[in-house]
């Protein structure tokens, strides 16, 4: 983490455990990013971010990219292609509330995801 900081490399936290997230947050002096993650309070899967994690990202001037994978959007975590756009909007609204509009991006994650 320190070497990445020195080289100006941001560390993507989308695939890290929550413990690992906090280890990086404690060590890094650069913005925290999660390029394709969603809201744990809406869809409680391990890859989604808690409000506390999003608060840390905001405090670091970082950002979160919305993950389009339905298993990370649906409240039931189901792998169902018939998922309404309103599920995405609910995550974006919550993310904007926690991160501010400049802290939210589109992250997609179409690599093998429904």
PDB file of N, CA and C in Angstrom:
ATOM      1  N   UNK A   1       0.838  -1.196   0.000  1.00  0.00           N
ATOM      2  CA  UNK A   1       0.000   0.000   0.000  1.00  0.00           C
ATOM      3  C   UNK A   1       0.875   1.249   0.000  1.00  0.00           C
ATOM      4  N   UNK A   2       1.898   1.250   0.850  1.00  0.00           N
ATOM      5  CA  UNK A   2       2.785   2.425   0.890  1.00  0.00           C
ATOM      6  C   UNK A   2       3.518   2.610  -0.441  1.00  0.00           C
ATOM      7  N   UNK A   3       3.967   1.506  -1.051  1.00  0.00           N
ATOM      8  CA  UNK A   3       4.658   1.590  -2.344  1.00  0.00           C
ATOM      9  C   UNK A   3       3.715   2.132  -3.407  1.00  0.00           C
ATOM     10  N   UNK A   4       2.475   1.677  -3.404  1.00  0.00           N
ATOM     11  CA  UNK A   4       1.494   2.201  -4.367  1.00  0.00           C
ATOM     12  C   UNK A   4       1.274   3.693  -4.142  1.00  0.00           C
ATOM     13  N   UNK A   5       1.164   4.103  -2.883  1.00  0.00           N
ATOM     14  CA  UNK A   5       1.016   5.525  -2.570  1.00  0.00           C
ATOM     15  C   UNK A   5       2.166   6.336  -3.141  1.00  0.00           C
ATOM     16  N   UNK A   6       3.391   5.855  -2.955  1.00  0.00           N
ATOM     17  CA  UNK A   6       4.568   6.567  -3.454  1.00  0.00           C
ATOM     18  C   UNK A   6       4.572   6.672  -4.973  1.00  0.00           C
ATOM     19  N   UNK A   7       4.026   5.656  -5.646  1.00  0.00           N
ATOM     20  CA  UNK A   7       3.992   5.646  -7.105  1.00  0.00           C
ATOM     21  C   UNK A   7       2.752   6.325  -7.680  1.00  0.00           C
ATOM     22  N   UNK A   8       1.839   6.782  -6.819  1.00  0.00           N
ATOM     23  CA  UNK A   8       0.615   7.425  -7.284  1.00  0.00           C
ATOM     24  C   UNK A   8      -0.416   6.445  -7.815  1.00  0.00           C
ATOM     25  N   UNK A   9      -0.346   5.191  -7.361  1.00  0.00           N
ATOM     26  CA  UNK A   9      -1.287   4.157  -7.790  1.00  0.00           C
ATOM     27  C   UNK A   9      -2.397   4.041  -6.751  1.00  0.00           C
ATOM     28  N   UNK A  10      -3.643   4.197  -7.200  1.00  0.00           N
ATOM     29  CA  UNK A  10      -4.778   4.023  -6.307  1.00  0.00           C
ATOM     30  C   UNK A  10      -5.103   2.541  -6.207  1.00  0.00           C
ATOM     31  N   UNK A  11      -5.540   2.111  -5.053  1.00  0.00           N
ATOM     32  CA  UNK A  11      -5.839   0.706  -4.797  1.00  0.00           C
ATOM     33  C   UNK A  11      -7.347   0.496  -4.888  1.00  0.00           C
ATOM     34  N   UNK A  12      -7.761  -0.394  -5.783  1.00  0.00           N
ATOM     35  CA  UNK A  12      -9.180  -0.692  -5.963  1.00  0.00           C
ATOM     36  C   UNK A  12      -9.618  -1.661  -4.865  1.00  0.00           C
ATOM     37  N   UNK A  13     -10.605  -1.264  -4.097  1.00  0.00           N
ATOM     38  CA  UNK A  13     -11.052  -2.035  -2.939  1.00  0.00           C
ATOM     39  C   UNK A  13     -12.297  -2.876  -3.207  1.00  0.00           C
ATOM     40  N   UNK A  14     -12.693  -3.029  -4.459  1.00  0.00           N
ATOM     41  CA  UNK A  14     -13.934  -3.749  -4.784  1.00  0.00           C
ATOM     42  C   UNK A  14     -13.897  -5.238  -4.456  1.00  0.00           C
ATOM     43  N   UNK A  15     -12.751  -5.866  -4.474  1.00  0.00           N
ATOM     44  CA  UNK A  15     -12.679  -7.315  -4.249  1.00  0.00           C
ATOM     45  C   UNK A  15     -11.995  -7.672  -2.932  1.00  0.00           C
ATOM     46  N   UNK A  16     -11.978  -6.766  -1.986  1.00  0.00           N
ATOM     47  CA  UNK A  16     -11.260  -7.012  -0.738  1.00  0.00           C
ATOM     48  C   UNK A  16     -12.257  -7.258   0.402  1.00  0.00           C
ATOM     49  N   UNK A  17     -11.851  -7.994   1.397  1.00  0.00           N
ATOM     50  CA  UNK A  17     -12.704  -8.209   2.566  1.00  0.00           C
ATOM     51  C   UNK A  17     -12.843  -6.900   3.340  1.00  0.00           C
ATOM     52  N   UNK A  18     -13.814  -6.854   4.236  1.00  0.00           N
ATOM     53  CA  UNK A  18     -13.978  -5.627   5.028  1.00  0.00           C
ATOM     54  C   UNK A  18     -12.748  -5.377   5.905  1.00  0.00           C
ATOM     55  N   UNK A  19     -12.177  -6.425   6.496  1.00  0.00           N
ATOM     56  CA  UNK A  19     -10.962  -6.251   7.299  1.00  0.00           C
ATOM     57  C   UNK A  19      -9.842  -5.688   6.435  1.00  0.00           C
ATOM     58  N   UNK A  20      -9.669  -6.233   5.245  1.00  0.00           N
ATOM     59  CA  UNK A  20      -8.652  -5.731   4.325  1.00  0.00           C
ATOM     60  C   UNK A  20      -8.909  -4.281   3.939  1.00  0.00           C
ATOM     61  N   UNK A  21     -10.179  -3.926   3.751  1.00  0.00           N
ATOM     62  CA  UNK A  21     -10.546  -2.544   3.437  1.00  0.00           C
ATOM     63  C   UNK A  21      -9.999  -1.610   4.513  1.00  0.00           C
ATOM     64  N   UNK A  22     -10.263  -1.956   5.780  1.00  0.00           N
ATOM     65  CA  UNK A  22      -9.838  -1.083   6.877  1.00  0.00           C
ATOM     66  C   UNK A  22      -8.321  -1.053   7.021  1.00  0.00           C
ATOM     67  N   UNK A  23      -7.653  -2.150   6.713  1.00  0.00           N
ATOM     68  CA  UNK A  23      -6.189  -2.150   6.719  1.00  0.00           C
ATOM     69  C   UNK A  23      -5.653  -1.163   5.680  1.00  0.00           C
ATOM     70  N   UNK A  24      -6.219  -1.200   4.470  1.00  0.00           N
ATOM     71  CA  UNK A  24      -5.789  -0.257   3.426  1.00  0.00           C
ATOM     72  C   UNK A  24      -6.147   1.167   3.833  1.00  0.00           C
ATOM     73  N   UNK A  25      -7.355   1.383   4.325  1.00  0.00           N
ATOM     74  CA  UNK A  25      -7.786   2.735   4.710  1.00  0.00           C
ATOM     75  C   UNK A  25      -6.872   3.325   5.785  1.00  0.00           C
ATOM     76  N   UNK A  26      -6.430   2.486   6.706  1.00  0.00           N
ATOM     77  CA  UNK A  26      -5.553   2.943   7.788  1.00  0.00           C
ATOM     78  C   UNK A  26      -4.161   3.300   7.263  1.00  0.00           C
ATOM     79  N   UNK A  27      -3.711   2.594   6.243  1.00  0.00           N
ATOM     80  CA  UNK A  27      -2.346   2.742   5.744  1.00  0.00           C
ATOM     81  C   UNK A  27      -2.217   3.763   4.622  1.00  0.00           C
ATOM     82  N   UNK A  28      -3.236   3.867   3.774  1.00  0.00           N
ATOM     83  CA  UNK A  28      -3.146   4.700   2.575  1.00  0.00           C
ATOM     84  C   UNK A  28      -3.338   6.182   2.890  1.00  0.00           C
ATOM     85  N   UNK A  29      -2.606   7.012   2.154  1.00  0.00           N
ATOM     86  CA  UNK A  29      -2.826   8.457   2.240  1.00  0.00           C
ATOM     87  C   UNK A  29      -3.409   8.989   0.929  1.00  0.00           C
ATOM     88  N   UNK A  30      -3.895   8.079   0.082  1.00  0.00           N
ATOM     89  CA  UNK A  30      -4.494   8.424  -1.211  1.00  0.00           C
ATOM     90  C   UNK A  30      -6.004   8.188  -1.157  1.00  0.00           C
ATOM     91  N   UNK A  31      -6.751   8.734  -2.126  1.00  0.00           N
ATOM     92  CA  UNK A  31      -8.190   8.475  -2.161  1.00  0.00           C
ATOM     93  C   UNK A  31      -8.492   6.984  -2.240  1.00  0.00           C
ATOM     94  N   UNK A  32      -9.504   6.565  -1.509  1.00  0.00           N
ATOM     95  CA  UNK A  32      -9.962   5.184  -1.534  1.00  0.00           C
ATOM     96  C   UNK A  32     -10.982   5.034  -2.649  1.00  0.00           C
ATOM     97  N   UNK A  33     -10.861   3.968  -3.445  1.00  0.00           N
ATOM     98  CA  UNK A  33     -11.823   3.732  -4.515  1.00  0.00           C
ATOM     99  C   UNK A  33     -12.296   2.284  -4.489  1.00  0.00           C
ATOM    100  N   UNK A  34     -13.537   2.116  -4.883  1.00  0.00           N
ATOM    101  CA  UNK A  34     -14.112   0.793  -5.122  1.00  0.00           C
ATOM    102  C   UNK A  34     -14.769   0.923  -6.495  1.00  0.00           C
ATOM    103  N   UNK A  35     -14.105   0.422  -7.512  1.00  0.00           N
ATOM    104  CA  UNK A  35     -14.520   0.687  -8.892  1.00  0.00           C
ATOM    105  C   UNK A  35     -15.851   0.044  -9.275  1.00  0.00           C
ATOM    106  N   UNK A  36     -16.256  -1.006  -8.572  1.00  0.00           N
ATOM    107  CA  UNK A  36     -17.527  -1.653  -8.891  1.00  0.00           C
ATOM    108  C   UNK A  36     -18.070  -2.363  -7.652  1.00  0.00           C
ATOM    109  N   UNK A  37     -18.731  -1.570  -6.802  1.00  0.00           N
ATOM    110  CA  UNK A  37     -19.321  -2.066  -5.559  1.00  0.00           C
ATOM    111  C   UNK A  37     -20.651  -1.357  -5.333  1.00  0.00           C
ATOM    112  N   UNK A  38     -21.481  -1.932  -4.480  1.00  0.00           N
ATOM    113  CA  UNK A  38     -22.785  -1.339  -4.200  1.00  0.00           C
ATOM    114  C   UNK A  38     -23.012  -1.204  -2.695  1.00  0.00           C
ATOM    115  N   UNK A  39     -24.271  -1.030  -2.313  1.00  0.00           N
ATOM    116  CA  UNK A  39     -24.652  -0.692  -0.946  1.00  0.00           C
ATOM    117  C   UNK A  39     -25.048  -1.939  -0.148  1.00  0.00           C
ATOM    118  N   UNK A  40     -24.288  -2.238   0.881  1.00  0.00           N
ATOM    119  CA  UNK A  40     -24.554  -3.391   1.741  1.00  0.00           C
ATOM    120  C   UNK A  40     -25.888  -3.257   2.466  1.00  0.00           C
ATOM    121  N   UNK A  41     -26.284  -2.053   2.846  1.00  0.00           N
ATOM    122  CA  UNK A  41     -27.553  -1.847   3.559  1.00  0.00           C
ATOM    123  C   UNK A  41     -28.760  -2.241   2.698  1.00  0.00           C
ATOM    124  N   UNK A  42     -28.599  -2.236   1.378  1.00  0.00           N
ATOM    125  CA  UNK A  42     -29.682  -2.620   0.469  1.00  0.00           C
ATOM    126  C   UNK A  42     -29.557  -4.087   0.072  1.00  0.00           C
ATOM    127  N   UNK A  43     -28.355  -4.502  -0.297  1.00  0.00           N
ATOM    128  CA  UNK A  43     -28.081  -5.885  -0.696  1.00  0.00           C
ATOM    129  C   UNK A  43     -26.904  -6.383   0.138  1.00  0.00           C
ATOM    130  N   UNK A  44     -27.199  -7.112   1.215  1.00  0.00           N
ATOM    131  CA  UNK A  44     -26.148  -7.499   2.166  1.00  0.00           C
ATOM    132  C   UNK A  44     -25.277  -8.672   1.694  1.00  0.00           C
ATOM    133  N   UNK A  45     -24.497  -8.427   0.643  1.00  0.00           N
ATOM    134  CA  UNK A  45     -23.501  -9.400   0.210  1.00  0.00           C
ATOM    135  C   UNK A  45     -22.126  -8.849   0.592  1.00  0.00           C
ATOM    136  N   UNK A  46     -21.166  -9.732   0.770  1.00  0.00           N
ATOM    137  CA  UNK A  46     -19.851  -9.347   1.283  1.00  0.00           C
ATOM    138  C   UNK A  46     -19.153  -8.296   0.426  1.00  0.00           C
ATOM    139  N   UNK A  47     -19.357  -8.294  -0.877  1.00  0.00           N
ATOM    140  CA  UNK A  47     -18.675  -7.359  -1.760  1.00  0.00           C
ATOM    141  C   UNK A  47     -19.249  -5.937  -1.692  1.00  0.00           C
ATOM    142  N   UNK A  48     -20.457  -5.784  -1.178  1.00  0.00           N
ATOM    143  CA  UNK A  48     -21.041  -4.451  -1.102  1.00  0.00           C
ATOM    144  C   UNK A  48     -20.515  -3.704   0.125  1.00  0.00           C
ATOM    145  N   UNK A  49     -20.537  -2.382   0.036  1.00  0.00           N
ATOM    146  CA  UNK A  49     -19.922  -1.529   1.055  1.00  0.00           C
ATOM    147  C   UNK A  49     -20.906  -1.103   2.137  1.00  0.00           C
ATOM    148  N   UNK A  50     -20.440  -1.129   3.368  1.00  0.00           N
ATOM    149  CA  UNK A  50     -21.246  -0.623   4.475  1.00  0.00           C
ATOM    150  C   UNK A  50     -21.241   0.901   4.432  1.00  0.00           C
ATOM    151  N   UNK A  51     -22.181   1.499   5.139  1.00  0.00           N
ATOM    152  CA  UNK A  51     -22.212   2.965   5.220  1.00  0.00           C
ATOM    153  C   UNK A  51     -20.914   3.502   5.807  1.00  0.00           C
ATOM    154  N   UNK A  52     -20.383   2.799   6.786  1.00  0.00           N
ATOM    155  CA  UNK A  52     -19.122   3.227   7.412  1.00  0.00           C
ATOM    156  C   UNK A  52     -17.976   3.215   6.396  1.00  0.00           C
ATOM    157  N   UNK A  53     -17.927   2.187   5.541  1.00  0.00           N
ATOM    158  CA  UNK A  53     -16.901   2.142   4.503  1.00  0.00           C
ATOM    159  C   UNK A  53     -17.084   3.305   3.515  1.00  0.00           C
ATOM    160  N   UNK A  54     -18.332   3.562   3.114  1.00  0.00           N
ATOM    161  CA  UNK A  54     -18.571   4.681   2.195  1.00  0.00           C
ATOM    162  C   UNK A  54     -18.195   6.010   2.833  1.00  0.00           C
ATOM    163  N   UNK A  55     -18.430   6.152   4.131  1.00  0.00           N
ATOM    164  CA  UNK A  55     -18.027   7.385   4.824  1.00  0.00           C
ATOM    165  C   UNK A  55     -16.510   7.562   4.773  1.00  0.00           C
ATOM    166  N   UNK A  56     -15.772   6.469   4.935  1.00  0.00           N
ATOM    167  CA  UNK A  56     -14.305   6.533   4.855  1.00  0.00           C
ATOM    168  C   UNK A  56     -13.857   6.900   3.439  1.00  0.00           C
ATOM    169  N   UNK A  57     -14.536   6.355   2.446  1.00  0.00           N
ATOM    170  CA  UNK A  57     -14.206   6.690   1.062  1.00  0.00           C
ATOM    171  C   UNK A  57     -14.458   8.171   0.809  1.00  0.00           C
ATOM    172  N   UNK A  58     -15.580   8.675   1.281  1.00  0.00           N
ATOM    173  CA  UNK A  58     -15.888  10.103   1.110  1.00  0.00           C
ATOM    174  C   UNK A  58     -14.836  10.967   1.801  1.00  0.00           C
ATOM    175  N   UNK A  59     -14.459  10.598   3.012  1.00  0.00           N
ATOM    176  CA  UNK A  59     -13.477  11.379   3.763  1.00  0.00           C
ATOM    177  C   UNK A  59     -12.127  11.427   3.056  1.00  0.00           C
ATOM    178  N   UNK A  60     -11.849  10.424   2.228  1.00  0.00           N
ATOM    179  CA  UNK A  60     -10.567  10.386   1.507  1.00  0.00           C
ATOM    180  C   UNK A  60     -10.648  11.037   0.122  1.00  0.00           C
ATOM    181  N   UNK A  61     -11.824  11.612  -0.214  1.00  0.00           N
ATOM    182  CA  UNK A  61     -12.074  12.142  -1.559  1.00  0.00           C
ATOM    183  C   UNK A  61     -12.044  11.040  -2.615  1.00  0.00           C
ATOM    184  N   UNK A  62     -12.460   9.853  -2.235  1.00  0.00           N
ATOM    185  CA  UNK A  62     -12.477   8.727  -3.158  1.00  0.00           C
ATOM    186  C   UNK A  62     -13.793   8.603  -3.888  1.00  0.00           C
ATOM    187  N   UNK A  63     -13.998   7.436  -4.505  1.00  0.00           N
ATOM    188  CA  UNK A  63     -15.242   7.214  -5.224  1.00  0.00           C
ATOM    189  C   UNK A  63     -15.602   5.748  -5.298  1.00  0.00           C
ATOM    190  N   UNK A  64     -16.886   5.514  -5.596  1.00  0.00           N
ATOM    191  CA  UNK A  64     -17.421   4.170  -5.757  1.00  0.00           C
ATOM    192  C   UNK A  64     -18.145   4.113  -7.094  1.00  0.00           C
ATOM    193  N   UNK A  65     -17.854   3.074  -7.876  1.00  0.00           N
ATOM    194  CA  UNK A  65     -18.556   2.848  -9.133  1.00  0.00           C
ATOM    195  C   UNK A  65     -19.660   1.823  -8.942  1.00  0.00           C
ATOM    196  N   UNK A  66     -20.854   2.149  -9.401  1.00  0.00           N
ATOM    197  CA  UNK A  66     -21.997   1.247  -9.300  1.00  0.00           C
ATOM    198  C   UNK A  66     -21.733  -0.037 -10.068  1.00  0.00           C
ATOM    199  N   UNK A  67     -21.928  -1.160  -9.411  1.00  0.00           N
ATOM    200  CA  UNK A  67     -21.782  -2.479 -10.031  1.00  0.00           C
ATOM    201  C   UNK A  67     -23.130  -2.873 -10.626  1.00  0.00           C
ATOM    202  N   UNK A  68     -23.159  -3.263 -11.911  1.00  0.00           N
ATOM    203  CA  UNK A  68     -24.407  -3.609 -12.583  1.00  0.00           C
ATOM    204  C   UNK A  68     -24.819  -5.068 -12.377  1.00  0.00           C
ATOM    205  N   UNK A  69     -24.004  -5.882 -11.726  1.00  0.00           N
ATOM    206  CA  UNK A  69     -24.340  -7.295 -11.508  1.00  0.00           C
ATOM    207  C   UNK A  69     -25.598  -7.389 -10.646  1.00  0.00           C
ATOM    208  N   UNK A  70     -26.602  -8.103 -11.140  1.00  0.00           N
ATOM    209  CA  UNK A  70     -27.883  -8.144 -10.433  1.00  0.00           C
ATOM    210  C   UNK A  70     -27.764  -8.771  -9.041  1.00  0.00           C
ATOM    211  N   UNK A  71     -26.827  -9.674  -8.851  1.00  0.00           N
ATOM    212  CA  UNK A  71     -26.649 -10.291  -7.526  1.00  0.00           C
ATOM    213  C   UNK A  71     -26.171  -9.285  -6.486  1.00  0.00           C
ATOM    214  N   UNK A  72     -25.664  -8.164  -6.938  1.00  0.00           N
ATOM    215  CA  UNK A  72     -25.208  -7.113  -6.023  1.00  0.00           C
ATOM    216  C   UNK A  72     -26.194  -5.947  -5.960  1.00  0.00           C
ATOM    217  N   UNK A  73     -27.276  -6.034  -6.757  1.00  0.00           N
ATOM    218  CA  UNK A  73     -28.293  -4.981  -6.804  1.00  0.00           C
ATOM    219  C   UNK A  73     -29.602  -5.389  -6.133  1.00  0.00           C
ATOM    220  N   UNK A  74     -29.995  -6.619  -6.344  1.00  0.00           N
ATOM    221  CA  UNK A  74     -31.290  -7.088  -5.844  1.00  0.00           C
ATOM    222  C   UNK A  74     -31.251  -7.259  -4.324  1.00  0.00           C
ATOM    223  N   UNK A  75     -32.343  -6.888  -3.650  1.00  0.00           N
ATOM    224  CA  UNK A  75     -32.386  -7.063  -2.199  1.00  0.00           C
ATOM    225  C   UNK A  75     -32.216  -8.519  -1.804  1.00  0.00           C
ATOM    226  N   UNK A  76     -32.695  -9.443  -2.645  1.00  0.00           N
ATOM    227  CA  UNK A  76     -32.589 -10.868  -2.329  1.00  0.00           C
ATOM    228  C   UNK A  76     -31.282 -11.485  -2.830  1.00  0.00           C
ATOM    229  N   UNK A  77     -30.433 -10.695  -3.517  1.00  0.00           N
ATOM    230  CA  UNK A  77     -29.156 -11.191  -4.018  1.00  0.00           C
ATOM    231  C   UNK A  77     -29.288 -12.210  -5.132  1.00  0.00           C
ATOM    232  N   UNK A  78     -30.494 -12.353  -5.684  1.00  0.00           N
ATOM    233  CA  UNK A  78     -30.748 -13.357  -6.707  1.00  0.00           C
ATOM    234  C   UNK A  78     -30.102 -13.034  -8.053  1.00  0.00           C
ATOM    235  N   UNK A  79     -29.796 -14.092  -8.789  1.00  0.00           N
ATOM    236  CA  UNK A  79     -29.196 -13.962 -10.125  1.00  0.00           C
ATOM    237  C   UNK A  79     -30.310 -14.034 -11.161  1.00  0.00           C
ATOM    238  N   UNK A  80     -31.095 -12.975 -11.239  1.00  0.00           N
ATOM    239  CA  UNK A  80     -32.273 -12.932 -12.091  1.00  0.00           C
ATOM    240  C   UNK A  80     -32.164 -11.728 -13.026  1.00  0.00           C
ATOM    241  N   UNK A  81     -32.073 -12.005 -14.324  1.00  0.00           N
ATOM    242  CA  UNK A  81     -31.927 -10.933 -15.312  1.00  0.00           C
ATOM    243  C   UNK A  81     -33.134  -9.994 -15.329  1.00  0.00           C
ATOM    244  N   UNK A  82     -34.262 -10.443 -14.829  1.00  0.00           N
ATOM    245  CA  UNK A  82     -35.462  -9.607 -14.782  1.00  0.00           C
ATOM    246  C   UNK A  82     -35.425  -8.733 -13.523  1.00  0.00           C
ATOM    247  N   UNK A  83     -34.416  -7.899 -13.475  1.00  0.00           N
ATOM    248  CA  UNK A  83     -34.210  -6.990 -12.337  1.00  0.00           C
ATOM    249  C   UNK A  83     -34.527  -5.568 -12.792  1.00  0.00           C
ATOM    250  N   UNK A  84     -35.413  -4.880 -12.093  1.00  0.00           N
ATOM    251  CA  UNK A  84     -35.805  -3.543 -12.550  1.00  0.00           C
ATOM    252  C   UNK A  84     -34.692  -2.497 -12.368  1.00  0.00           C
ATOM    253  N   UNK A  85     -34.699  -1.505 -13.239  1.00  0.00           N
ATOM    254  CA  UNK A  85     -33.756  -0.393 -13.175  1.00  0.00           C
ATOM    255  C   UNK A  85     -33.864   0.325 -11.825  1.00  0.00           C
ATOM    256  N   UNK A  86     -35.022   0.263 -11.215  1.00  0.00           N
ATOM    257  CA  UNK A  86     -35.213   0.934  -9.926  1.00  0.00           C
ATOM    258  C   UNK A  86     -34.266   0.378  -8.854  1.00  0.00           C
ATOM    259  N   UNK A  87     -33.821  -0.876  -8.991  1.00  0.00           N
ATOM    260  CA  UNK A  87     -32.845  -1.422  -8.044  1.00  0.00           C
ATOM    261  C   UNK A  87     -31.519  -0.671  -8.161  1.00  0.00           C
ATOM    262  N   UNK A  88     -31.115  -0.357  -9.392  1.00  0.00           N
ATOM    263  CA  UNK A  88     -29.882   0.424  -9.601  1.00  0.00           C
ATOM    264  C   UNK A  88     -30.039   1.824  -9.013  1.00  0.00           C
ATOM    265  N   UNK A  89     -31.196   2.420  -9.275  1.00  0.00           N
ATOM    266  CA  UNK A  89     -31.458   3.785  -8.805  1.00  0.00           C
ATOM    267  C   UNK A  89     -31.419   3.849  -7.285  1.00  0.00           C
ATOM    268  N   UNK A  90     -31.976   2.834  -6.629  1.00  0.00           N
ATOM    269  CA  UNK A  90     -31.961   2.809  -5.150  1.00  0.00           C
ATOM    270  C   UNK A  90     -30.521   2.819  -4.627  1.00  0.00           C
ATOM    271  N   UNK A  91     -29.621   2.045  -5.258  1.00  0.00           N
ATOM    272  CA  UNK A  91     -28.216   2.022  -4.852  1.00  0.00           C
ATOM    273  C   UNK A  91     -27.552   3.377  -5.134  1.00  0.00           C
ATOM    274  N   UNK A  92     -27.791   3.927  -6.314  1.00  0.00           N
ATOM    275  CA  UNK A  92     -27.190   5.226  -6.660  1.00  0.00           C
ATOM    276  C   UNK A  92     -27.644   6.302  -5.681  1.00  0.00           C
ATOM    277  N   UNK A  93     -28.929   6.344  -5.375  1.00  0.00           N
ATOM    278  CA  UNK A  93     -29.436   7.348  -4.438  1.00  0.00           C
ATOM    279  C   UNK A  93     -28.741   7.242  -3.083  1.00  0.00           C
ATOM    280  N   UNK A  94     -28.596   6.025  -2.583  1.00  0.00           N
ATOM    281  CA  UNK A  94     -27.942   5.823  -1.281  1.00  0.00           C
ATOM    282  C   UNK A  94     -26.461   6.214  -1.358  1.00  0.00           C
ATOM    283  N   UNK A  95     -25.812   5.834  -2.456  1.00  0.00           N
ATOM    284  CA  UNK A  95     -24.400   6.172  -2.619  1.00  0.00           C
ATOM    285  C   UNK A  95     -24.196   7.681  -2.685  1.00  0.00           C
ATOM    286  N   UNK A  96     -25.057   8.383  -3.416  1.00  0.00           N
ATOM    287  CA  UNK A  96     -24.947   9.846  -3.510  1.00  0.00           C
ATOM    288  C   UNK A  96     -25.159  10.470  -2.134  1.00  0.00           C
ATOM    289  N   UNK A  97     -26.104   9.922  -1.372  1.00  0.00           N
ATOM    290  CA  UNK A  97     -26.354  10.426  -0.014  1.00  0.00           C
ATOM    291  C   UNK A  97     -25.103  10.289   0.864  1.00  0.00           C
ATOM    292  N   UNK A  98     -24.394   9.166   0.764  1.00  0.00           N
ATOM    293  CA  UNK A  98     -23.219   8.914   1.599  1.00  0.00           C
ATOM    294  C   UNK A  98     -21.953   9.554   1.061  1.00  0.00           C
ATOM    295  N   UNK A  99     -21.798   9.569  -0.275  1.00  0.00           N
ATOM    296  CA  UNK A  99     -20.529   9.956  -0.899  1.00  0.00           C
ATOM    297  C   UNK A  99     -20.546  11.345  -1.529  1.00  0.00           C
ATOM    298  N   UNK A 100     -21.725  11.891  -1.774  1.00  0.00           N
ATOM    299  CA  UNK A 100     -21.831  13.116  -2.561  1.00  0.00           C
ATOM    300  C   UNK A 100     -21.813  12.740  -4.037  1.00  0.00           C
ATOM    301  N   UNK A 101     -22.350  13.587  -4.883  1.00  0.00           N
ATOM    302  CA  UNK A 101     -22.481  13.273  -6.306  1.00  0.00           C
ATOM    303  C   UNK A 101     -21.124  13.026  -6.965  1.00  0.00           C
ATOM    304  N   UNK A 102     -20.081  13.721  -6.538  1.00  0.00           N
ATOM    305  CA  UNK A 102     -18.759  13.541  -7.140  1.00  0.00           C
ATOM    306  C   UNK A 102     -18.078  12.247  -6.705  1.00  0.00           C
ATOM    307  N   UNK A 103     -18.651  11.555  -5.747  1.00  0.00           N
ATOM    308  CA  UNK A 103     -18.063  10.313  -5.265  1.00  0.00           C
ATOM    309  C   UNK A 103     -18.694   9.069  -5.859  1.00  0.00           C
ATOM    310  N   UNK A 104     -19.570   9.249  -6.853  1.00  0.00           N
ATOM    311  CA  UNK A 104     -20.281   8.118  -7.451  1.00  0.00           C
ATOM    312  C   UNK A 104     -19.989   8.053  -8.943  1.00  0.00           C
ATOM    313  N   UNK A 105     -19.704   6.835  -9.421  1.00  0.00           N
ATOM    314  CA  UNK A 105     -19.408   6.619 -10.841  1.00  0.00           C
ATOM    315  C   UNK A 105     -20.158   5.372 -11.306  1.00  0.00           C
ATOM    316  N   UNK A 106     -20.050   5.076 -12.601  1.00  0.00           N
ATOM    317  CA  UNK A 106     -20.601   3.837 -13.140  1.00  0.00           C
ATOM    318  C   UNK A 106     -19.466   2.842 -13.258  1.00  0.00           C
ATOM    319  N   UNK A 107     -19.606   1.685 -12.610  1.00  0.00           N
ATOM    320  CA  UNK A 107     -18.519   0.720 -12.586  1.00  0.00           C
ATOM    321  C   UNK A 107     -18.754  -0.502 -13.446  1.00  0.00           C
ATOM    322  N   UNK A 108     -19.957  -0.788 -13.789  1.00  0.00           N
ATOM    323  CA  UNK A 108     -20.440  -1.891 -14.629  1.00  0.00           C
ATOM    324  C   UNK A 108     -20.121  -3.271 -14.064  1.00  0.00           C
ATOM    325  N   UNK A 109     -19.044  -3.935 -14.417  1.00  0.00           N
ATOM    326  CA  UNK A 109     -18.704  -5.313 -14.042  1.00  0.00           C
ATOM    327  C   UNK A 109     -19.485  -6.304 -14.896  1.00  0.00           C
ATOM    328  N   UNK A 110     -19.409  -6.145 -16.204  1.00  0.00           N
ATOM    329  CA  UNK A 110     -20.097  -7.057 -17.119  1.00  0.00           C
ATOM    330  C   UNK A 110     -19.325  -8.343 -17.378  1.00  0.00           C
ATOM    331  N   UNK A 111     -18.177  -8.531 -16.741  1.00  0.00           N
ATOM    332  CA  UNK A 111     -17.358  -9.701 -16.973  1.00  0.00           C
ATOM    333  C   UNK A 111     -17.959 -10.928 -16.293  1.00  0.00           C
ATOM    334  N   UNK A 112     -18.883 -11.591 -16.981  1.00  0.00           N
ATOM    335  CA  UNK A 112     -19.486 -12.798 -16.441  1.00  0.00           C
ATOM    336  C   UNK A 112     -20.662 -12.551 -15.518  1.00  0.00           C
ATOM    337  N   UNK A 113     -21.093 -11.330 -15.369  1.00  0.00           N
ATOM    338  CA  UNK A 113     -22.196 -11.008 -14.470  1.00  0.00           C
ATOM    339  C   UNK A 113     -23.497 -10.856 -15.260  1.00  0.00           C
ATOM    340  N   UNK A 114     -24.584 -11.254 -14.628  1.00  0.00           N
ATOM    341  CA  UNK A 114     -25.917 -11.047 -15.222  1.00  0.00           C
ATOM    342  C   UNK A 114     -26.291  -9.596 -15.036  1.00  0.00           C
TER     343      UNK A 114
END
